[in-house]
Amino acid sequence: MNFRRRIVTEQIGLQLAPMIDVVLFLLCFFILTWNLARYEADIDVKVPTAKQGKEPKRLPGEVIVNVTKDGVINLNRRPVSPDELQQILAGVVQEYPDQAVIVRADADAKYQAVVAVLDACRAADAWNIAFATLRPGAEGSGSAGAAPAPAANPVPTAAPAKP
């Protein structure tokens, strides 16, 4: 008589459903965050270099206004007039009074366009204004077809104290 036990090994199946859920969740997360971050850097803006400046703490929902070398004012990759910019900023300031407004003006931008942005900020009562610059030795124009530059590339200068 053969009394040996037969050990039956159970096949362990690979659970794919949870893994697919996690992969799809990560994919959705990266697509959504990339889409929101791309508004930050405008392709046609080459910010000037500053000799001094420190990297400030980035705030969520910063308003970044781009001024191209042709004098066009862009907000979220959409050209806006100074009056439209003032209305948008007034709505933002009403909700968030200390909201930072970062001006990314091209090194060759028309000075009048930058003044128009500052006038719109003043009319909307936005006091927390900073200018984005590049650190010395930093090359490039923000994002020439690539992903947006990290926070260390365009460095807003320190904002003045509230009057």
Protein backbone atom coordinates (compact mmCIF):
# COMPACT_ATOMS: atom_id res chain seq x y z
CA MET A 1 0.00 0.00 0.00
CA ASN A 2 1.19 3.39 -0.91
CA PHE A 3 0.28 5.90 1.80
CA ARG A 4 2.19 8.86 0.47
CA ARG A 5 0.33 12.06 0.59
CA ARG A 6 -0.12 13.91 -2.54
CA ILE A 7 0.50 17.59 -2.03
CA VAL A 8 -1.69 19.56 -4.28
CA THR A 9 -0.26 22.95 -5.08
CA GLU A 10 -2.76 25.60 -5.86
CA GLN A 11 -1.99 27.89 -8.75
CA ILE A 12 -1.56 31.45 -7.58
CA GLY A 13 -3.17 33.81 -10.02
CA LEU A 14 -1.92 37.29 -10.70
CA GLN A 15 -4.51 39.89 -9.75
CA LEU A 16 -4.50 42.34 -12.64
CA ALA A 17 -7.57 44.40 -11.80
CA PRO A 18 -6.03 46.32 -8.84
CA MET A 19 -2.81 46.89 -10.78
CA ILE A 20 -4.73 48.25 -13.77
CA ASP A 21 -6.73 50.52 -11.44
CA VAL A 22 -3.54 51.97 -9.96
CA VAL A 23 -1.92 52.48 -13.37
CA LEU A 24 -4.99 54.23 -14.75
CA PHE A 25 -5.23 56.42 -11.65
CA LEU A 26 -1.58 57.46 -12.03
CA LEU A 27 -2.11 58.12 -15.73
CA CYS A 28 -5.11 60.36 -15.01
CA PHE A 29 -3.19 62.18 -12.29
CA PHE A 30 -0.23 62.96 -14.54
CA ILE A 31 -2.42 64.03 -17.45
CA LEU A 32 -4.40 66.42 -15.25
CA THR A 33 -1.38 67.94 -13.53
CA TRP A 34 0.51 68.36 -16.80
CA ASN A 35 -2.47 70.11 -18.34
CA LEU A 36 -2.69 72.59 -15.46
CA ALA A 37 1.04 73.20 -15.31
CA ARG A 38 1.43 73.99 -19.00
CA TYR A 39 -0.31 77.35 -18.59
CA GLU A 40 2.49 78.49 -16.36
CA ALA A 41 5.14 78.94 -19.02
CA ASP A 42 4.41 80.63 -22.31
CA ILE A 43 6.48 79.47 -25.28
CA ASP A 44 7.26 82.91 -26.69
CA VAL A 45 8.49 84.54 -23.48
CA LYS A 46 12.21 84.81 -22.80
CA VAL A 47 12.52 86.16 -19.27
CA PRO A 48 15.57 88.31 -18.45
CA THR A 49 18.34 87.26 -16.08
CA ALA A 50 18.67 88.75 -12.59
CA LYS A 51 21.89 89.02 -10.62
CA GLN A 52 20.15 88.54 -7.29
CA GLY A 53 16.99 86.95 -6.05
CA LYS A 54 15.86 84.10 -3.92
CA GLU A 55 13.43 81.36 -4.76
CA PRO A 56 10.18 82.11 -2.92
CA LYS A 57 7.74 79.58 -1.60
CA ARG A 58 5.32 78.78 -4.43
CA LEU A 59 1.67 79.36 -3.65
CA PRO A 60 -1.13 77.25 -5.12
CA GLY A 61 -3.12 79.02 -7.78
CA GLU A 62 -0.63 81.75 -8.57
CA VAL A 63 -1.74 84.06 -11.35
CA ILE A 64 0.96 84.15 -14.02
CA VAL A 65 0.68 86.88 -16.64
CA ASN A 66 2.93 86.55 -19.70
CA VAL A 67 3.94 89.51 -21.86
CA THR A 68 5.44 88.57 -25.23
CA LYS A 69 8.05 90.58 -27.09
CA ASP A 70 5.26 91.89 -29.34
CA GLY A 71 3.47 93.35 -26.32
CA VAL A 72 0.67 90.77 -26.23
CA ILE A 73 -0.63 90.04 -22.73
CA ASN A 74 -1.43 86.35 -22.15
CA LEU A 75 -3.23 84.75 -19.24
CA ASN A 76 -3.55 80.95 -19.35
CA ARG A 77 -2.28 80.92 -22.96
CA ARG A 78 -5.11 83.23 -23.99
CA PRO A 79 -4.49 86.79 -25.16
CA VAL A 80 -6.34 89.30 -23.01
CA SER A 81 -6.72 93.05 -23.09
CA PRO A 82 -5.71 95.13 -20.06
CA ASP A 83 -9.41 95.67 -19.27
CA GLU A 84 -10.12 91.91 -19.35
CA LEU A 85 -7.05 91.31 -17.19
CA GLN A 86 -8.29 93.87 -14.68
CA GLN A 87 -11.71 92.18 -14.48
CA ILE A 88 -10.17 88.73 -14.01
CA LEU A 89 -7.73 89.98 -11.38
CA ALA A 90 -10.53 91.82 -9.55
CA GLY A 91 -12.43 88.54 -9.26
CA VAL A 92 -9.34 86.73 -8.02
CA VAL A 93 -8.49 89.45 -5.50
CA GLN A 94 -12.06 89.44 -4.21
CA GLU A 95 -11.79 85.71 -3.45
CA TYR A 96 -8.11 85.67 -2.40
CA PRO A 97 -6.91 89.13 -1.26
CA ASP A 98 -3.24 88.12 -0.88
CA GLN A 99 -3.05 86.26 -4.19
CA ALA A 100 0.33 86.58 -5.91
CA VAL A 101 0.47 87.88 -9.48
CA ILE A 102 3.66 86.90 -11.31
CA VAL A 103 4.56 88.91 -14.40
CA ARG A 104 6.68 86.99 -16.93
CA ALA A 105 7.71 89.62 -19.44
CA ASP A 106 9.97 88.87 -22.38
CA ALA A 107 13.38 90.55 -22.20
CA ASP A 108 12.49 92.37 -25.45
CA ALA A 109 8.88 93.15 -24.47
CA LYS A 110 7.43 96.58 -25.00
CA TYR A 111 7.60 98.52 -21.77
CA GLN A 112 4.12 99.91 -22.32
CA ALA A 113 2.63 96.39 -22.18
CA VAL A 114 4.29 95.74 -18.81
CA VAL A 115 2.98 99.07 -17.53
CA ALA A 116 -0.51 98.10 -18.75
CA VAL A 117 -0.28 94.87 -16.71
CA LEU A 118 0.83 96.83 -13.64
CA ASP A 119 -2.02 99.32 -14.16
CA ALA A 120 -4.51 96.45 -14.38
CA CYS A 121 -3.11 94.96 -11.16
CA ARG A 122 -3.35 98.31 -9.41
CA ALA A 123 -6.92 98.91 -10.61
CA ALA A 124 -7.90 95.42 -9.40
CA ASP A 125 -6.24 96.15 -6.01
CA ALA A 126 -3.71 93.33 -6.49
CA TRP A 127 -0.73 94.35 -4.38
CA ASN A 128 1.32 91.13 -4.31
CA ILE A 129 3.16 91.46 -7.64
CA ALA A 130 6.43 89.79 -8.61
CA PHE A 131 8.53 89.69 -11.78
CA ALA A 132 9.86 86.34 -13.01
CA THR A 133 13.54 86.29 -13.96
CA LEU A 134 16.19 83.68 -14.66
CA ARG A 135 19.11 83.06 -12.38
CA PRO A 136 22.56 84.01 -13.66
CA GLY A 137 23.88 81.29 -15.95
CA ALA A 138 20.42 79.85 -16.61
CA GLU A 139 19.81 79.28 -20.30
CA GLY A 140 16.61 79.00 -22.26
CA SER A 141 13.34 80.77 -22.75
CA GLY A 142 11.07 79.06 -20.27
CA SER A 143 9.67 76.18 -22.31
CA ALA A 144 10.48 76.04 -26.00
CA GLY A 145 8.28 73.07 -26.80
CA ALA A 146 9.24 71.16 -23.67
CA ALA A 147 7.56 70.70 -20.32
CA PRO A 148 7.25 73.79 -18.13
CA ALA A 149 10.38 74.80 -16.33
CA PRO A 150 10.58 73.83 -12.67
CA ALA A 151 10.02 76.39 -9.99
CA ALA A 152 13.75 77.08 -9.79
CA ASN A 153 14.01 78.30 -13.39
CA PRO A 154 11.72 81.33 -13.47
CA VAL A 155 12.31 82.99 -10.11
CA PRO A 156 9.90 85.72 -9.07
CA THR A 157 11.60 88.53 -7.20
CA ALA A 158 10.42 89.30 -3.72
CA ALA A 159 7.10 91.08 -3.63
CA PRO A 160 6.87 94.46 -1.89
CA ALA A 161 5.06 94.80 1.39
CA LYS A 162 1.40 95.71 1.27
CA PRO A 163 0.96 99.50 1.32
